[in-house]
C-alpha atoms as a PDB file:
ATOM      1  CA  UNK A   1     -12.352  20.858 -11.864  1.00  0.00           C
ATOM      2  CA  UNK A   2      -9.640  19.310  -9.678  1.00  0.00           C
ATOM      3  CA  UNK A   3     -12.065  19.121  -6.757  1.00  0.00           C
ATOM      4  CA  UNK A   4     -14.702  17.437  -8.933  1.00  0.00           C
ATOM      5  CA  UNK A   5     -12.094  14.903 -10.105  1.00  0.00           C
ATOM      6  CA  UNK A   6     -11.128  14.102  -6.494  1.00  0.00           C
ATOM      7  CA  UNK A   7     -14.752  13.613  -5.470  1.00  0.00           C
ATOM      8  CA  UNK A   8     -15.404  11.327  -8.457  1.00  0.00           C
ATOM      9  CA  UNK A   9     -12.232   9.355  -7.638  1.00  0.00           C
ATOM     10  CA  UNK A  10     -13.259   8.918  -3.998  1.00  0.00           C
ATOM     11  CA  UNK A  11     -16.773   7.809  -4.954  1.00  0.00           C
ATOM     12  CA  UNK A  12     -15.650   5.405  -7.670  1.00  0.00           C
ATOM     13  CA  UNK A  13     -12.743   3.817  -5.760  1.00  0.00           C
ATOM     14  CA  UNK A  14     -14.896   1.185  -4.024  1.00  0.00           C
ATOM     15  CA  UNK A  15     -16.496   0.244  -7.368  1.00  0.00           C
ATOM     16  CA  UNK A  16     -13.123  -0.218  -9.064  1.00  0.00           C
ATOM     17  CA  UNK A  17     -11.820  -2.151  -6.079  1.00  0.00           C
ATOM     18  CA  UNK A  18     -14.820  -4.468  -5.933  1.00  0.00           C
ATOM     19  CA  UNK A  19     -14.440  -5.160  -9.655  1.00  0.00           C
ATOM     20  CA  UNK A  20     -10.746  -5.919  -9.182  1.00  0.00           C
ATOM     21  CA  UNK A  21     -11.571  -8.170  -6.262  1.00  0.00           C
ATOM     22  CA  UNK A  22     -14.206 -10.091  -8.284  1.00  0.00           C
ATOM     23  CA  UNK A  23     -11.717 -10.570 -11.118  1.00  0.00           C
ATOM     24  CA  UNK A  24      -9.064 -11.811  -8.692  1.00  0.00           C
ATOM     25  CA  UNK A  25     -11.467 -14.205  -6.990  1.00  0.00           C
ATOM     26  CA  UNK A  26     -12.620 -15.548 -10.366  1.00  0.00           C
ATOM     27  CA  UNK A  27      -9.014 -16.087 -11.327  1.00  0.00           C
ATOM     28  CA  UNK A  28      -8.197 -17.826  -8.070  1.00  0.00           C
ATOM     29  CA  UNK A  29     -11.257 -20.078  -8.226  1.00  0.00           C
ATOM     30  CA  UNK A  30     -10.234 -21.238 -11.692  1.00  0.00           C
ATOM     31  CA  UNK A  31      -7.029 -22.715 -10.339  1.00  0.00           C
ATOM     32  CA  UNK A  32      -6.668 -25.906  -8.337  1.00  0.00           C
ATOM     33  CA  UNK A  33      -6.040 -24.869  -4.726  1.00  0.00           C
ATOM     34  CA  UNK A  34      -6.275 -26.561  -1.390  1.00  0.00           C
ATOM     35  CA  UNK A  35      -9.126 -25.467   0.855  1.00  0.00           C
ATOM     36  CA  UNK A  36      -6.683 -23.953   3.347  1.00  0.00           C
ATOM     37  CA  UNK A  37      -5.270 -21.626   0.677  1.00  0.00           C
ATOM     38  CA  UNK A  38      -8.513 -19.627   0.653  1.00  0.00           C
ATOM     39  CA  UNK A  39      -9.093 -19.423   4.422  1.00  0.00           C
ATOM     40  CA  UNK A  40      -9.059 -15.728   5.444  1.00  0.00           C
ATOM     41  CA  UNK A  41      -6.505 -14.551   7.989  1.00  0.00           C
ATOM     42  CA  UNK A  42      -8.463 -13.498  11.063  1.00  0.00           C
ATOM     43  CA  UNK A  43      -7.700 -11.021  13.862  1.00  0.00           C
ATOM     44  CA  UNK A  44      -5.079  -8.987  12.014  1.00  0.00           C
ATOM     45  CA  UNK A  45      -5.926  -6.419  14.688  1.00  0.00           C
ATOM     46  CA  UNK A  46      -8.123  -6.873  17.750  1.00  0.00           C
ATOM     47  CA  UNK A  47     -10.279  -3.754  17.388  1.00  0.00           C
ATOM     48  CA  UNK A  48     -11.829  -1.550  14.705  1.00  0.00           C
ATOM     49  CA  UNK A  49      -9.161   1.050  15.549  1.00  0.00           C
ATOM     50  CA  UNK A  50      -5.469   0.577  16.296  1.00  0.00           C
ATOM     51  CA  UNK A  51      -5.363   3.793  18.365  1.00  0.00           C
ATOM     52  CA  UNK A  52      -5.987   6.837  16.166  1.00  0.00           C
ATOM     53  CA  UNK A  53      -5.783   4.818  12.963  1.00  0.00           C
ATOM     54  CA  UNK A  54      -8.616   2.644  11.714  1.00  0.00           C
ATOM     55  CA  UNK A  55      -7.920  -1.044  11.271  1.00  0.00           C
ATOM     56  CA  UNK A  56      -9.387  -3.499   8.768  1.00  0.00           C
ATOM     57  CA  UNK A  57     -11.621  -5.070  11.432  1.00  0.00           C
ATOM     58  CA  UNK A  58     -15.416  -4.638  11.160  1.00  0.00           C
ATOM     59  CA  UNK A  59     -18.359  -5.320  13.422  1.00  0.00           C
ATOM     60  CA  UNK A  60     -20.002  -8.610  12.381  1.00  0.00           C
ATOM     61  CA  UNK A  61     -23.224  -8.856  10.375  1.00  0.00           C
ATOM     62  CA  UNK A  62     -26.294  -8.141  12.487  1.00  0.00           C
ATOM     63  CA  UNK A  63     -24.292  -6.724  15.404  1.00  0.00           C
ATOM     64  CA  UNK A  64     -24.431  -3.222  16.857  1.00  0.00           C
ATOM     65  CA  UNK A  65     -21.359  -1.878  18.632  1.00  0.00           C
ATOM     66  CA  UNK A  66     -21.820   0.941  21.165  1.00  0.00           C
ATOM     67  CA  UNK A  67     -18.523   2.801  21.717  1.00  0.00           C
ATOM     68  CA  UNK A  68     -17.475   5.561  24.108  1.00  0.00           C
ATOM     69  CA  UNK A  69     -14.049   7.130  23.469  1.00  0.00           C
ATOM     70  CA  UNK A  70     -12.262   9.710  25.622  1.00  0.00           C
ATOM     71  CA  UNK A  71      -9.165  11.896  25.320  1.00  0.00           C
ATOM     72  CA  UNK A  72      -7.949  13.618  28.491  1.00  0.00           C
ATOM     73  CA  UNK A  73      -5.947  16.855  28.815  1.00  0.00           C
ATOM     74  CA  UNK A  74      -2.178  17.411  28.716  1.00  0.00           C
ATOM     75  CA  UNK A  75      -0.272  15.131  31.094  1.00  0.00           C
ATOM     76  CA  UNK A  76       2.585  17.641  31.355  1.00  0.00           C
ATOM     77  CA  UNK A  77       3.515  21.111  30.181  1.00  0.00           C
ATOM     78  CA  UNK A  78       1.751  24.337  31.178  1.00  0.00           C
ATOM     79  CA  UNK A  79      -1.732  22.784  31.397  1.00  0.00           C
ATOM     80  CA  UNK A  80      -0.681  19.449  32.890  1.00  0.00           C
ATOM     81  CA  UNK A  81       1.059  18.228  35.996  1.00  0.00           C
ATOM     82  CA  UNK A  82      -0.379  17.636  39.452  1.00  0.00           C
ATOM     83  CA  UNK A  83      -2.703  20.693  39.338  1.00  0.00           C
ATOM     84  CA  UNK A  84      -4.857  18.898  36.737  1.00  0.00           C
ATOM     85  CA  UNK A  85      -3.876  15.448  38.049  1.00  0.00           C
ATOM     86  CA  UNK A  86      -1.789  14.967  34.911  1.00  0.00           C
ATOM     87  CA  UNK A  87      -4.612  15.826  32.542  1.00  0.00           C
ATOM     88  CA  UNK A  88      -7.330  13.609  33.983  1.00  0.00           C
ATOM     89  CA  UNK A  89      -9.278  16.634  35.278  1.00  0.00           C
ATOM     90  CA  UNK A  90      -9.735  17.825  31.692  1.00  0.00           C
ATOM     91  CA  UNK A  91     -11.480  16.370  28.645  1.00  0.00           C
ATOM     92  CA  UNK A  92      -9.873  17.170  25.307  1.00  0.00           C
ATOM     93  CA  UNK A  93     -12.461  15.243  23.286  1.00  0.00           C
ATOM     94  CA  UNK A  94     -15.272  12.743  23.824  1.00  0.00           C
ATOM     95  CA  UNK A  95     -17.011  10.547  21.245  1.00  0.00           C
ATOM     96  CA  UNK A  96     -20.156   8.410  21.457  1.00  0.00           C
ATOM     97  CA  UNK A  97     -20.559   6.080  18.477  1.00  0.00           C
ATOM     98  CA  UNK A  98     -22.739   3.312  17.060  1.00  0.00           C
ATOM     99  CA  UNK A  99     -21.429   0.885  14.411  1.00  0.00           C
ATOM    100  CA  UNK A 100     -23.684  -1.667  12.707  1.00  0.00           C
ATOM    101  CA  UNK A 101     -22.707  -4.586  10.495  1.00  0.00           C
ATOM    102  CA  UNK A 102     -24.839  -4.781   7.346  1.00  0.00           C
ATOM    103  CA  UNK A 103     -22.726  -7.771   6.321  1.00  0.00           C
ATOM    104  CA  UNK A 104     -19.385  -9.267   7.327  1.00  0.00           C
ATOM    105  CA  UNK A 105     -17.786  -6.979   4.721  1.00  0.00           C
ATOM    106  CA  UNK A 106     -19.808  -3.779   5.132  1.00  0.00           C
ATOM    107  CA  UNK A 107     -20.421  -1.676   8.252  1.00  0.00           C
ATOM    108  CA  UNK A 108     -21.950   1.750   8.757  1.00  0.00           C
ATOM    109  CA  UNK A 109     -21.665   4.057  11.736  1.00  0.00           C
ATOM    110  CA  UNK A 110     -22.680   7.345  13.316  1.00  0.00           C
ATOM    111  CA  UNK A 111     -20.994   9.319  16.090  1.00  0.00           C
ATOM    112  CA  UNK A 112     -21.116  12.551  18.050  1.00  0.00           C
ATOM    113  CA  UNK A 113     -17.934  14.244  19.239  1.00  0.00           C
ATOM    114  CA  UNK A 114     -17.174  17.259  21.359  1.00  0.00           C
ATOM    115  CA  UNK A 115     -14.469  18.289  18.918  1.00  0.00           C
ATOM    116  CA  UNK A 116     -11.017  19.518  19.860  1.00  0.00           C
ATOM    117  CA  UNK A 117     -10.217  22.309  17.388  1.00  0.00           C
ATOM    118  CA  UNK A 118     -11.860  25.608  16.477  1.00  0.00           C
ATOM    119  CA  UNK A 119     -14.656  23.606  14.838  1.00  0.00           C
ATOM    120  CA  UNK A 120     -16.661  21.688  17.471  1.00  0.00           C
ATOM    121  CA  UNK A 121     -19.987  19.902  18.090  1.00  0.00           C
ATOM    122  CA  UNK A 122     -19.533  17.358  15.328  1.00  0.00           C
ATOM    123  CA  UNK A 123     -21.863  14.720  13.887  1.00  0.00           C
ATOM    124  CA  UNK A 124     -20.252  11.958  11.830  1.00  0.00           C
ATOM    125  CA  UNK A 125     -21.642   9.341   9.434  1.00  0.00           C
ATOM    126  CA  UNK A 126     -19.204   6.722   8.145  1.00  0.00           C
ATOM    127  CA  UNK A 127     -18.916   3.594   6.058  1.00  0.00           C
ATOM    128  CA  UNK A 128     -16.324   0.811   6.097  1.00  0.00           C
ATOM    129  CA  UNK A 129     -16.054  -1.856   3.411  1.00  0.00           C
ATOM    130  CA  UNK A 130     -13.674  -4.800   3.353  1.00  0.00           C
ATOM    131  CA  UNK A 131     -12.488  -5.026  -0.238  1.00  0.00           C
ATOM    132  CA  UNK A 132      -9.985  -7.852   0.066  1.00  0.00           C
ATOM    133  CA  UNK A 133      -8.967 -10.319   2.776  1.00  0.00           C
ATOM    134  CA  UNK A 134      -5.520 -11.765   3.328  1.00  0.00           C
ATOM    135  CA  UNK A 135      -5.597 -15.561   3.115  1.00  0.00           C
ATOM    136  CA  UNK A 136      -3.554 -18.405   4.539  1.00  0.00           C
ATOM    137  CA  UNK A 137      -0.292 -19.348   2.753  1.00  0.00           C
ATOM    138  CA  UNK A 138      -0.213 -15.829   1.187  1.00  0.00           C
ATOM    139  CA  UNK A 139      -2.566 -16.787  -1.626  1.00  0.00           C
ATOM    140  CA  UNK A 140      -3.763 -13.194  -1.166  1.00  0.00           C
ATOM    141  CA  UNK A 141      -0.910 -11.480   0.711  1.00  0.00           C
ATOM    142  CA  UNK A 142      -2.718  -8.284   1.804  1.00  0.00           C
ATOM    143  CA  UNK A 143      -6.023  -7.145   3.221  1.00  0.00           C
ATOM    144  CA  UNK A 144      -7.595  -3.952   1.842  1.00  0.00           C
ATOM    145  CA  UNK A 145     -10.454  -2.040   3.464  1.00  0.00           C
ATOM    146  CA  UNK A 146     -12.012   1.243   2.376  1.00  0.00           C
ATOM    147  CA  UNK A 147     -13.227   3.837   4.904  1.00  0.00           C
ATOM    148  CA  UNK A 148     -14.992   7.153   4.350  1.00  0.00           C
ATOM    149  CA  UNK A 149     -16.908   9.618   6.463  1.00  0.00           C
ATOM    150  CA  UNK A 150     -18.847  12.878   6.311  1.00  0.00           C
ATOM    151  CA  UNK A 151     -18.779  15.243   9.297  1.00  0.00           C
ATOM    152  CA  UNK A 152     -20.903  18.331   9.968  1.00  0.00           C
ATOM    153  CA  UNK A 153     -20.556  20.931  12.719  1.00  0.00           C
ATOM    154  CA  UNK A 154     -23.686  22.004  14.625  1.00  0.00           C
ATOM    155  CA  UNK A 155     -22.011  24.865  16.519  1.00  0.00           C
ATOM    156  CA  UNK A 156     -23.026  28.522  16.202  1.00  0.00           C
ATOM    157  CA  UNK A 157     -21.029  30.427  13.605  1.00  0.00           C
ATOM    158  CA  UNK A 158     -18.304  32.868  14.670  1.00  0.00           C
ATOM    159  CA  UNK A 159     -18.943  36.453  13.543  1.00  0.00           C
ATOM    160  CA  UNK A 160     -15.327  36.807  12.332  1.00  0.00           C
ATOM    161  CA  UNK A 161     -15.270  35.652   8.665  1.00  0.00           C
ATOM    162  CA  UNK A 162     -11.485  34.971   8.732  1.00  0.00           C
ATOM    163  CA  UNK A 163     -11.579  32.159  11.287  1.00  0.00           C
ATOM    164  CA  UNK A 164     -12.355  28.463  10.623  1.00  0.00           C
ATOM    165  CA  UNK A 165     -15.578  28.372  12.670  1.00  0.00           C
ATOM    166  CA  UNK A 166     -17.319  31.070  10.638  1.00  0.00           C
ATOM    167  CA  UNK A 167     -19.996  29.538   8.383  1.00  0.00           C
ATOM    168  CA  UNK A 168     -21.734  31.590   5.703  1.00  0.00           C
ATOM    169  CA  UNK A 169     -23.769  28.596   4.555  1.00  0.00           C
ATOM    170  CA  UNK A 170     -24.658  25.069   5.692  1.00  0.00           C
ATOM    171  CA  UNK A 171     -22.256  23.826   3.003  1.00  0.00           C
ATOM    172  CA  UNK A 172     -19.354  25.430   4.918  1.00  0.00           C
ATOM    173  CA  UNK A 173     -19.924  23.181   7.943  1.00  0.00           C
ATOM    174  CA  UNK A 174     -18.903  19.925   6.208  1.00  0.00           C
ATOM    175  CA  UNK A 175     -15.655  17.960   6.051  1.00  0.00           C
ATOM    176  CA  UNK A 176     -14.858  14.545   4.555  1.00  0.00           C
ATOM    177  CA  UNK A 177     -12.310  11.742   4.791  1.00  0.00           C
ATOM    178  CA  UNK A 178     -11.515   8.951   2.316  1.00  0.00           C
ATOM    179  CA  UNK A 179      -9.022   6.297   3.374  1.00  0.00           C
ATOM    180  CA  UNK A 180      -7.634   3.011   2.114  1.00  0.00           C
ATOM    181  CA  UNK A 181      -6.488   0.632   4.871  1.00  0.00           C
ATOM    182  CA  UNK A 182      -3.844  -1.815   3.631  1.00  0.00           C
ATOM    183  CA  UNK A 183      -2.912  -4.483   6.179  1.00  0.00           C
ATOM    184  CA  UNK A 184      -0.752  -7.565   6.494  1.00  0.00           C
ATOM    185  CA  UNK A 185      -0.476 -10.045   9.338  1.00  0.00           C
ATOM    186  CA  UNK A 186       3.129 -11.186   9.081  1.00  0.00           C
ATOM    187  CA  UNK A 187       2.775 -13.718  11.891  1.00  0.00           C
ATOM    188  CA  UNK A 188       0.596 -14.441  14.902  1.00  0.00           C
ATOM    189  CA  UNK A 189       2.747 -11.896  16.772  1.00  0.00           C
ATOM    190  CA  UNK A 190       2.994  -8.947  14.359  1.00  0.00           C
ATOM    191  CA  UNK A 191       0.598  -6.985  12.119  1.00  0.00           C
ATOM    192  CA  UNK A 192       1.164  -3.811  10.095  1.00  0.00           C
ATOM    193  CA  UNK A 193      -1.185  -1.285   8.468  1.00  0.00           C
ATOM    194  CA  UNK A 194      -0.639   1.459   5.870  1.00  0.00           C
ATOM    195  CA  UNK A 195      -3.332   4.140   5.494  1.00  0.00           C
ATOM    196  CA  UNK A 196      -3.243   6.601   2.550  1.00  0.00           C
ATOM    197  CA  UNK A 197      -5.726   9.312   3.589  1.00  0.00           C
ATOM    198  CA  UNK A 198      -7.449  12.275   1.943  1.00  0.00           C
ATOM    199  CA  UNK A 199      -9.127  14.953   4.099  1.00  0.00           C
ATOM    200  CA  UNK A 200     -11.294  17.736   2.680  1.00  0.00           C
ATOM    201  CA  UNK A 201     -12.835  20.782   4.392  1.00  0.00           C
ATOM    202  CA  UNK A 202     -15.453  22.755   2.454  1.00  0.00           C
ATOM    203  CA  UNK A 203     -14.329  25.890   4.289  1.00  0.00           C
ATOM    204  CA  UNK A 204     -11.090  26.746   6.083  1.00  0.00           C
ATOM    205  CA  UNK A 205      -9.833  29.893   7.788  1.00  0.00           C
ATOM    206  CA  UNK A 206      -6.594  31.895   7.674  1.00  0.00           C
ATOM    207  CA  UNK A 207      -5.919  30.858   4.075  1.00  0.00           C
ATOM    208  CA  UNK A 208      -5.429  27.173   4.970  1.00  0.00           C
ATOM    209  CA  UNK A 209      -5.671  24.419   2.342  1.00  0.00           C
ATOM    210  CA  UNK A 210      -9.052  22.730   1.837  1.00  0.00           C
ATOM    211  CA  UNK A 211      -7.375  19.434   0.916  1.00  0.00           C
ATOM    212  CA  UNK A 212      -4.837  17.546   3.016  1.00  0.00           C
ATOM    213  CA  UNK A 213      -3.169  14.308   1.931  1.00  0.00           C
ATOM    214  CA  UNK A 214      -1.535  12.100   4.538  1.00  0.00           C
ATOM    215  CA  UNK A 215      -0.291   8.578   5.071  1.00  0.00           C
ATOM    216  CA  UNK A 216      -0.630   6.672   8.315  1.00  0.00           C
ATOM    217  CA  UNK A 217       1.205   3.627   9.602  1.00  0.00           C
ATOM    218  CA  UNK A 218       0.037   1.390  12.441  1.00  0.00           C
ATOM    219  CA  UNK A 219       1.398  -1.745  14.082  1.00  0.00           C
ATOM    220  CA  UNK A 220       0.554  -4.388  16.660  1.00  0.00           C
ATOM    221  CA  UNK A 221       3.254  -6.515  18.324  1.00  0.00           C
ATOM    222  CA  UNK A 222       2.076  -9.319  20.592  1.00  0.00           C
ATOM    223  CA  UNK A 223       3.885  -9.598  23.941  1.00  0.00           C
ATOM    224  CA  UNK A 224       1.970 -12.397  25.650  1.00  0.00           C
ATOM    225  CA  UNK A 225      -1.208 -14.366  24.988  1.00  0.00           C
ATOM    226  CA  UNK A 226      -3.328 -11.434  26.185  1.00  0.00           C
ATOM    227  CA  UNK A 227      -1.102  -8.358  25.829  1.00  0.00           C
ATOM    228  CA  UNK A 228       0.311  -6.442  22.860  1.00  0.00           C
ATOM    229  CA  UNK A 229       2.079  -3.178  22.057  1.00  0.00           C
ATOM    230  CA  UNK A 230       0.176  -0.931  19.622  1.00  0.00           C
ATOM    231  CA  UNK A 231       1.228   2.286  17.870  1.00  0.00           C
ATOM    232  CA  UNK A 232       0.303   4.505  14.922  1.00  0.00           C
ATOM    233  CA  UNK A 233       1.557   7.682  13.248  1.00  0.00           C
ATOM    234  CA  UNK A 234       0.247  10.013  10.515  1.00  0.00           C
ATOM    235  CA  UNK A 235       2.440  12.131   8.252  1.00  0.00           C
ATOM    236  CA  UNK A 236       0.920  14.934   6.167  1.00  0.00           C
ATOM    237  CA  UNK A 237       2.554  15.462   2.782  1.00  0.00           C
ATOM    238  CA  UNK A 238       2.587  19.255   3.231  1.00  0.00           C
ATOM    239  CA  UNK A 239       3.906  19.194   6.805  1.00  0.00           C
ATOM    240  CA  UNK A 240       6.380  22.045   6.283  1.00  0.00           C
ATOM    241  CA  UNK A 241       3.753  24.276   4.665  1.00  0.00           C
ATOM    242  CA  UNK A 242       1.321  23.508   7.473  1.00  0.00           C
ATOM    243  CA  UNK A 243       3.953  24.358  10.093  1.00  0.00           C
ATOM    244  CA  UNK A 244       4.541  27.687   8.383  1.00  0.00           C
ATOM    245  CA  UNK A 245       0.778  28.346   8.169  1.00  0.00           C
ATOM    246  CA  UNK A 246       0.254  27.560  11.852  1.00  0.00           C
ATOM    247  CA  UNK A 247       3.266  29.593  13.003  1.00  0.00           C
ATOM    248  CA  UNK A 248       1.968  32.563  11.024  1.00  0.00           C
ATOM    249  CA  UNK A 249      -1.192  32.392  13.128  1.00  0.00           C
ATOM    250  CA  UNK A 250       0.601  31.846  16.441  1.00  0.00           C
ATOM    251  CA  UNK A 251       0.207  28.048  16.657  1.00  0.00           C
ATOM    252  CA  UNK A 252       2.553  25.087  16.158  1.00  0.00           C
ATOM    253  CA  UNK A 253       1.754  22.009  14.049  1.00  0.00           C
ATOM    254  CA  UNK A 254       2.699  18.398  14.753  1.00  0.00           C
ATOM    255  CA  UNK A 255       1.948  15.076  13.132  1.00  0.00           C
ATOM    256  CA  UNK A 256      -0.075  12.782  15.463  1.00  0.00           C
ATOM    257  CA  UNK A 257       1.790   9.933  17.164  1.00  0.00           C
ATOM    258  CA  UNK A 258       0.156   7.407  19.509  1.00  0.00           C
ATOM    259  CA  UNK A 259       1.406   4.369  21.432  1.00  0.00           C
ATOM    260  CA  UNK A 260       0.035   2.087  24.105  1.00  0.00           C
ATOM    261  CA  UNK A 261      -0.708  -1.301  25.582  1.00  0.00           C
ATOM    262  CA  UNK A 262      -3.576  -3.549  24.498  1.00  0.00           C
ATOM    263  CA  UNK A 263      -5.036  -6.067  26.958  1.00  0.00           C
ATOM    264  CA  UNK A 264      -7.512  -8.841  26.086  1.00  0.00           C
ATOM    265  CA  UNK A 265      -9.740 -10.073  28.867  1.00  0.00           C
ATOM    266  CA  UNK A 266     -13.099 -11.804  28.988  1.00  0.00           C
ATOM    267  CA  UNK A 267     -13.900 -11.256  25.326  1.00  0.00           C
ATOM    268  CA  UNK A 268     -13.171  -7.520  25.553  1.00  0.00           C
ATOM    269  CA  UNK A 269     -10.155  -5.492  24.494  1.00  0.00           C
ATOM    270  CA  UNK A 270      -8.855  -2.651  26.676  1.00  0.00           C
ATOM    271  CA  UNK A 271      -6.342  -0.109  25.410  1.00  0.00           C
ATOM    272  CA  UNK A 272      -4.144   2.011  27.676  1.00  0.00           C
ATOM    273  CA  UNK A 273      -2.891   4.570  25.174  1.00  0.00           C
ATOM    274  CA  UNK A 274      -1.103   7.918  24.978  1.00  0.00           C
ATOM    275  CA  UNK A 275      -1.051  10.376  22.079  1.00  0.00           C
ATOM    276  CA  UNK A 276      -0.145  14.003  21.348  1.00  0.00           C
ATOM    277  CA  UNK A 277      -3.340  14.762  19.406  1.00  0.00           C
ATOM    278  CA  UNK A 278      -6.448  16.018  21.205  1.00  0.00           C
ATOM    279  CA  UNK A 279      -9.123  15.145  18.624  1.00  0.00           C
ATOM    280  CA  UNK A 280     -10.719  11.772  17.893  1.00  0.00           C
ATOM    281  CA  UNK A 281     -11.758  12.156  14.231  1.00  0.00           C
ATOM    282  CA  UNK A 282      -9.377  11.979  11.254  1.00  0.00           C
ATOM    283  CA  UNK A 283     -11.001  15.186   9.988  1.00  0.00           C
ATOM    284  CA  UNK A 284      -9.394  16.989  12.939  1.00  0.00           C
ATOM    285  CA  UNK A 285      -6.311  15.175  14.229  1.00  0.00           C
ATOM    286  CA  UNK A 286      -4.638  14.820  10.797  1.00  0.00           C
ATOM    287  CA  UNK A 287      -4.739  18.491   9.713  1.00  0.00           C
ATOM    288  CA  UNK A 288      -5.002  20.195  13.125  1.00  0.00           C
ATOM    289  CA  UNK A 289      -2.767  18.636  15.798  1.00  0.00           C
ATOM    290  CA  UNK A 290      -1.033  21.449  17.710  1.00  0.00           C
ATOM    291  CA  UNK A 291       0.434  19.671  20.752  1.00  0.00           C
ATOM    292  CA  UNK A 292       3.804  17.966  21.182  1.00  0.00           C
ATOM    293  CA  UNK A 293       5.158  14.922  23.023  1.00  0.00           C
ATOM    294  CA  UNK A 294       8.402  16.796  23.742  1.00  0.00           C
ATOM    295  CA  UNK A 295       6.542  19.555  25.587  1.00  0.00           C
ATOM    296  CA  UNK A 296       4.599  17.128  27.779  1.00  0.00           C
ATOM    297  CA  UNK A 297       1.467  17.756  25.710  1.00  0.00           C
ATOM    298  CA  UNK A 298       0.495  14.107  25.452  1.00  0.00           C
ATOM    299  CA  UNK A 299      -2.594  12.628  27.029  1.00  0.00           C
ATOM    300  CA  UNK A 300      -4.176   9.397  28.122  1.00  0.00           C
ATOM    301  CA  UNK A 301      -7.011   8.007  26.017  1.00  0.00           C
ATOM    302  CA  UNK A 302      -9.298   5.021  26.079  1.00  0.00           C
ATOM    303  CA  UNK A 303     -12.318   3.428  24.372  1.00  0.00           C
ATOM    304  CA  UNK A 304     -15.031   1.212  25.818  1.00  0.00           C
ATOM    305  CA  UNK A 305     -17.296  -0.806  23.538  1.00  0.00           C
ATOM    306  CA  UNK A 306     -20.302  -3.054  24.104  1.00  0.00           C
ATOM    307  CA  UNK A 307     -21.597  -5.196  21.209  1.00  0.00           C
ATOM    308  CA  UNK A 308     -25.258  -6.176  20.864  1.00  0.00           C
ATOM    309  CA  UNK A 309     -26.363  -8.957  18.517  1.00  0.00           C
ATOM    310  CA  UNK A 310     -29.593  -8.828  16.503  1.00  0.00           C
ATOM    311  CA  UNK A 311     -29.069 -12.193  14.848  1.00  0.00           C
ATOM    312  CA  UNK A 312     -31.895 -14.692  15.167  1.00  0.00           C
ATOM    313  CA  UNK A 313     -30.924 -17.654  17.306  1.00  0.00           C
ATOM    314  CA  UNK A 314     -31.588 -21.137  15.973  1.00  0.00           C
ATOM    315  CA  UNK A 315     -33.854 -23.139  18.272  1.00  0.00           C
END
């Protein structure tokens, strides 16, 4: 019953939020306001992701964004150092993705990832909807965006029924994420995001929990006209229990932390980033990060995107 309630809550959240937004907009339009009061705040972040964390930014209506993301191996520690050229000889995870803007508020996407935990060969379908936009003069002080995905593994099942990558049925292969992205652009130089997140696996191994609740925080601090510091961190609410569960099975557990430098050039945004997590999807890096900054188990990561427009040009 609890699982059914959670699924209903996740499905109905966008409906409730849209209703609340419509009520707020009706209320605002009934008051006398200057035109500038209702101008949305743009470019809270410069990309659809901060590093690991999603941002409130969407691909525009009628545009298709082709994205390649890469996580290398450990820069230090036992598997890093000069013998692997500080991790660049290894690939922890790779993702190829397509995002399409159905409107300026709604985007859908698909992706394929290598996977970086026991469960690999992942196909993802996702949806991102901008519920509320921050406006000038703090008429609406926050931006709220809803994100959700469904991920399925296409790998062959392990014969050992106790491990996570053993699948008795097709149902066992699925995992899901529901996330609310709350953002505020405090000034032209600083933006902050808060990301309450729910992750669900239909099947887990070793007696792990099917449901993991976490909260993420992300920030962008502008250094120059074209450069900014970016960082994000996720904390799971049952961190101590997860550490105990992982240690029981001979593995550590760490919350994912990422930091880096963002560079704007020629209409594109490049990110030089480092993080302790190996996986690219929330379904994996939130509940299953097993590497540590302190042990040199951090890695370089990057994303490259190329937008294509399908809008009709006016002649």
